[in-house]
């Protein structure tokens, strides 16, 4: 068994492929090559791409500028995933081009929630008591 399988994380190869796919999708979206009215005025950040171990599927985590409360941008990206896959094949050279599935990245909201919890006066008080004991 390889080292990455023992630690439970993705292999370096999967991480490298995911990063290449992320860069390719980001550049396609930045150039505005997708002809969709919902994407024409949207600025989208591609935060992460997770590739399946067989390299056939990719989950693309995106965050539109200003959020996407009604998932209009995410749905438009999923609708245009075949076009994005074709454009990506011109830049990323792989035996099989992965199918793209776009999801809204909720890690920004999670990080904000954790930050709010850590700034709570009760938590700050508890943390300062632990520092005094040491």
Protein backbone atom coordinates (compact mmCIF):
# COMPACT_ATOMS: atom_id res chain seq x y z
CA UNK A 1 0.00 0.00 0.00
CA UNK A 2 1.23 3.47 -0.81
CA UNK A 3 1.92 6.07 1.84
CA UNK A 4 -1.07 8.25 0.87
CA UNK A 5 -3.49 5.37 1.31
CA UNK A 6 -2.32 4.91 4.91
CA UNK A 7 -2.85 8.59 5.73
CA UNK A 8 -6.29 8.64 4.08
CA UNK A 9 -5.58 11.60 1.80
CA UNK A 10 -5.38 11.82 -1.97
CA UNK A 11 -2.14 10.90 -3.69
CA UNK A 12 0.23 13.52 -5.02
CA UNK A 13 -0.79 12.57 -8.54
CA UNK A 14 -4.47 13.29 -7.82
CA UNK A 15 -3.57 16.60 -6.20
CA UNK A 16 -1.41 17.61 -9.17
CA UNK A 17 -4.10 16.67 -11.71
CA UNK A 18 -6.72 18.50 -9.66
CA UNK A 19 -4.59 21.63 -9.60
CA UNK A 20 -4.04 21.48 -13.38
CA UNK A 21 -7.78 21.12 -13.94
CA UNK A 22 -8.46 24.02 -11.54
CA UNK A 23 -6.08 26.30 -13.44
CA UNK A 24 -7.60 25.33 -16.79
CA UNK A 25 -11.19 25.94 -15.66
CA UNK A 26 -10.22 29.22 -14.00
CA UNK A 27 -8.60 30.54 -17.16
CA UNK A 28 -11.57 29.49 -19.34
CA UNK A 29 -13.99 31.26 -17.00
CA UNK A 30 -11.75 34.33 -16.71
CA UNK A 31 -11.64 34.70 -20.50
CA UNK A 32 -15.45 34.57 -20.61
CA UNK A 33 -15.58 31.81 -23.21
CA UNK A 34 -18.82 30.31 -21.88
CA UNK A 35 -21.78 31.86 -23.69
CA UNK A 36 -24.37 31.77 -20.92
CA UNK A 37 -26.27 34.83 -19.64
CA UNK A 38 -25.98 33.65 -16.02
CA UNK A 39 -22.20 33.37 -16.33
CA UNK A 40 -21.63 36.49 -18.45
CA UNK A 41 -21.83 38.88 -15.52
CA UNK A 42 -20.53 36.53 -12.83
CA UNK A 43 -17.02 36.46 -11.45
CA UNK A 44 -16.34 32.92 -10.27
CA UNK A 45 -13.51 31.67 -8.05
CA UNK A 46 -12.53 28.04 -8.51
CA UNK A 47 -11.24 27.14 -5.07
CA UNK A 48 -10.61 23.41 -5.38
CA UNK A 49 -10.96 20.44 -7.71
CA UNK A 50 -11.18 16.92 -6.32
CA UNK A 51 -10.45 14.16 -8.79
CA UNK A 52 -11.70 10.60 -8.34
CA UNK A 53 -8.95 7.94 -8.07
CA UNK A 54 -9.74 6.64 -11.58
CA UNK A 55 -9.41 10.22 -12.99
CA UNK A 56 -12.86 9.95 -14.63
CA UNK A 57 -14.81 12.40 -12.43
CA UNK A 58 -13.95 15.79 -10.99
CA UNK A 59 -15.85 17.77 -8.38
CA UNK A 60 -15.18 21.47 -8.88
CA UNK A 61 -15.80 23.73 -5.88
CA UNK A 62 -16.69 27.28 -6.92
CA UNK A 63 -17.62 30.51 -5.19
CA UNK A 64 -19.19 33.29 -7.25
CA UNK A 65 -18.33 36.83 -6.19
CA UNK A 66 -21.17 37.98 -3.95
CA UNK A 67 -22.28 34.41 -3.26
CA UNK A 68 -24.80 32.24 -5.04
CA UNK A 69 -27.86 32.02 -2.78
CA UNK A 70 -30.22 30.65 -5.45
CA UNK A 71 -27.46 28.49 -7.07
CA UNK A 72 -28.06 30.16 -10.45
CA UNK A 73 -24.34 30.31 -11.30
CA UNK A 74 -23.63 26.78 -10.08
CA UNK A 75 -26.53 25.42 -12.15
CA UNK A 76 -25.27 27.33 -15.21
CA UNK A 77 -21.80 25.84 -14.76
CA UNK A 78 -23.23 22.32 -14.52
CA UNK A 79 -25.34 22.98 -17.62
CA UNK A 80 -22.22 24.08 -19.54
CA UNK A 81 -19.92 21.39 -18.13
CA UNK A 82 -19.62 19.58 -21.48
CA UNK A 83 -18.42 22.77 -23.17
CA UNK A 84 -15.96 23.44 -20.33
CA UNK A 85 -14.73 19.86 -20.57
CA UNK A 86 -14.10 20.28 -24.30
CA UNK A 87 -12.24 23.56 -23.81
CA UNK A 88 -10.25 22.04 -20.98
CA UNK A 89 -9.14 19.17 -23.25
CA UNK A 90 -7.27 21.71 -25.38
CA UNK A 91 -5.13 22.73 -22.40
CA UNK A 92 -4.93 19.69 -20.11
CA UNK A 93 -3.69 16.55 -21.84
CA UNK A 94 -5.02 13.38 -20.24
CA UNK A 95 -6.04 9.96 -21.50
CA UNK A 96 -9.58 10.52 -20.19
CA UNK A 97 -10.98 13.99 -19.61
CA UNK A 98 -12.90 13.88 -16.33
CA UNK A 99 -16.61 14.66 -16.14
CA UNK A 100 -17.11 17.92 -14.29
CA UNK A 101 -19.58 18.42 -11.47
CA UNK A 102 -19.75 21.91 -9.99
CA UNK A 103 -20.62 22.50 -6.33
CA UNK A 104 -20.85 25.65 -4.28
CA UNK A 105 -17.84 25.93 -1.95
CA UNK A 106 -19.16 26.31 1.57
CA UNK A 107 -15.73 26.32 3.26
CA UNK A 108 -15.71 30.14 3.28
CA UNK A 109 -18.94 30.17 5.32
CA UNK A 110 -17.57 27.50 7.62
CA UNK A 111 -14.36 29.47 8.23
CA UNK A 112 -16.37 32.60 8.97
CA UNK A 113 -18.53 30.69 11.45
CA UNK A 114 -15.47 29.26 13.24
CA UNK A 115 -13.90 32.72 13.39
CA UNK A 116 -17.10 34.11 14.94
CA UNK A 117 -17.07 31.33 17.54
CA UNK A 118 -13.43 31.95 18.44
CA UNK A 119 -14.10 35.66 18.93
CA UNK A 120 -16.95 34.97 21.37
CA UNK A 121 -16.13 36.57 24.76
CA UNK A 122 -16.71 33.29 26.63
CA UNK A 123 -14.24 31.43 24.42
CA UNK A 124 -11.70 34.24 24.72
CA UNK A 125 -12.08 34.15 28.52
CA UNK A 126 -11.57 30.37 28.60
CA UNK A 127 -8.51 30.58 26.37
CA UNK A 128 -6.95 33.32 28.53
CA UNK A 129 -7.44 31.15 31.68
CA UNK A 130 -5.59 28.28 30.01
CA UNK A 131 -2.66 30.59 29.16
CA UNK A 132 -2.41 31.78 32.78
CA UNK A 133 -2.23 28.19 34.07
CA UNK A 134 0.75 27.37 31.88
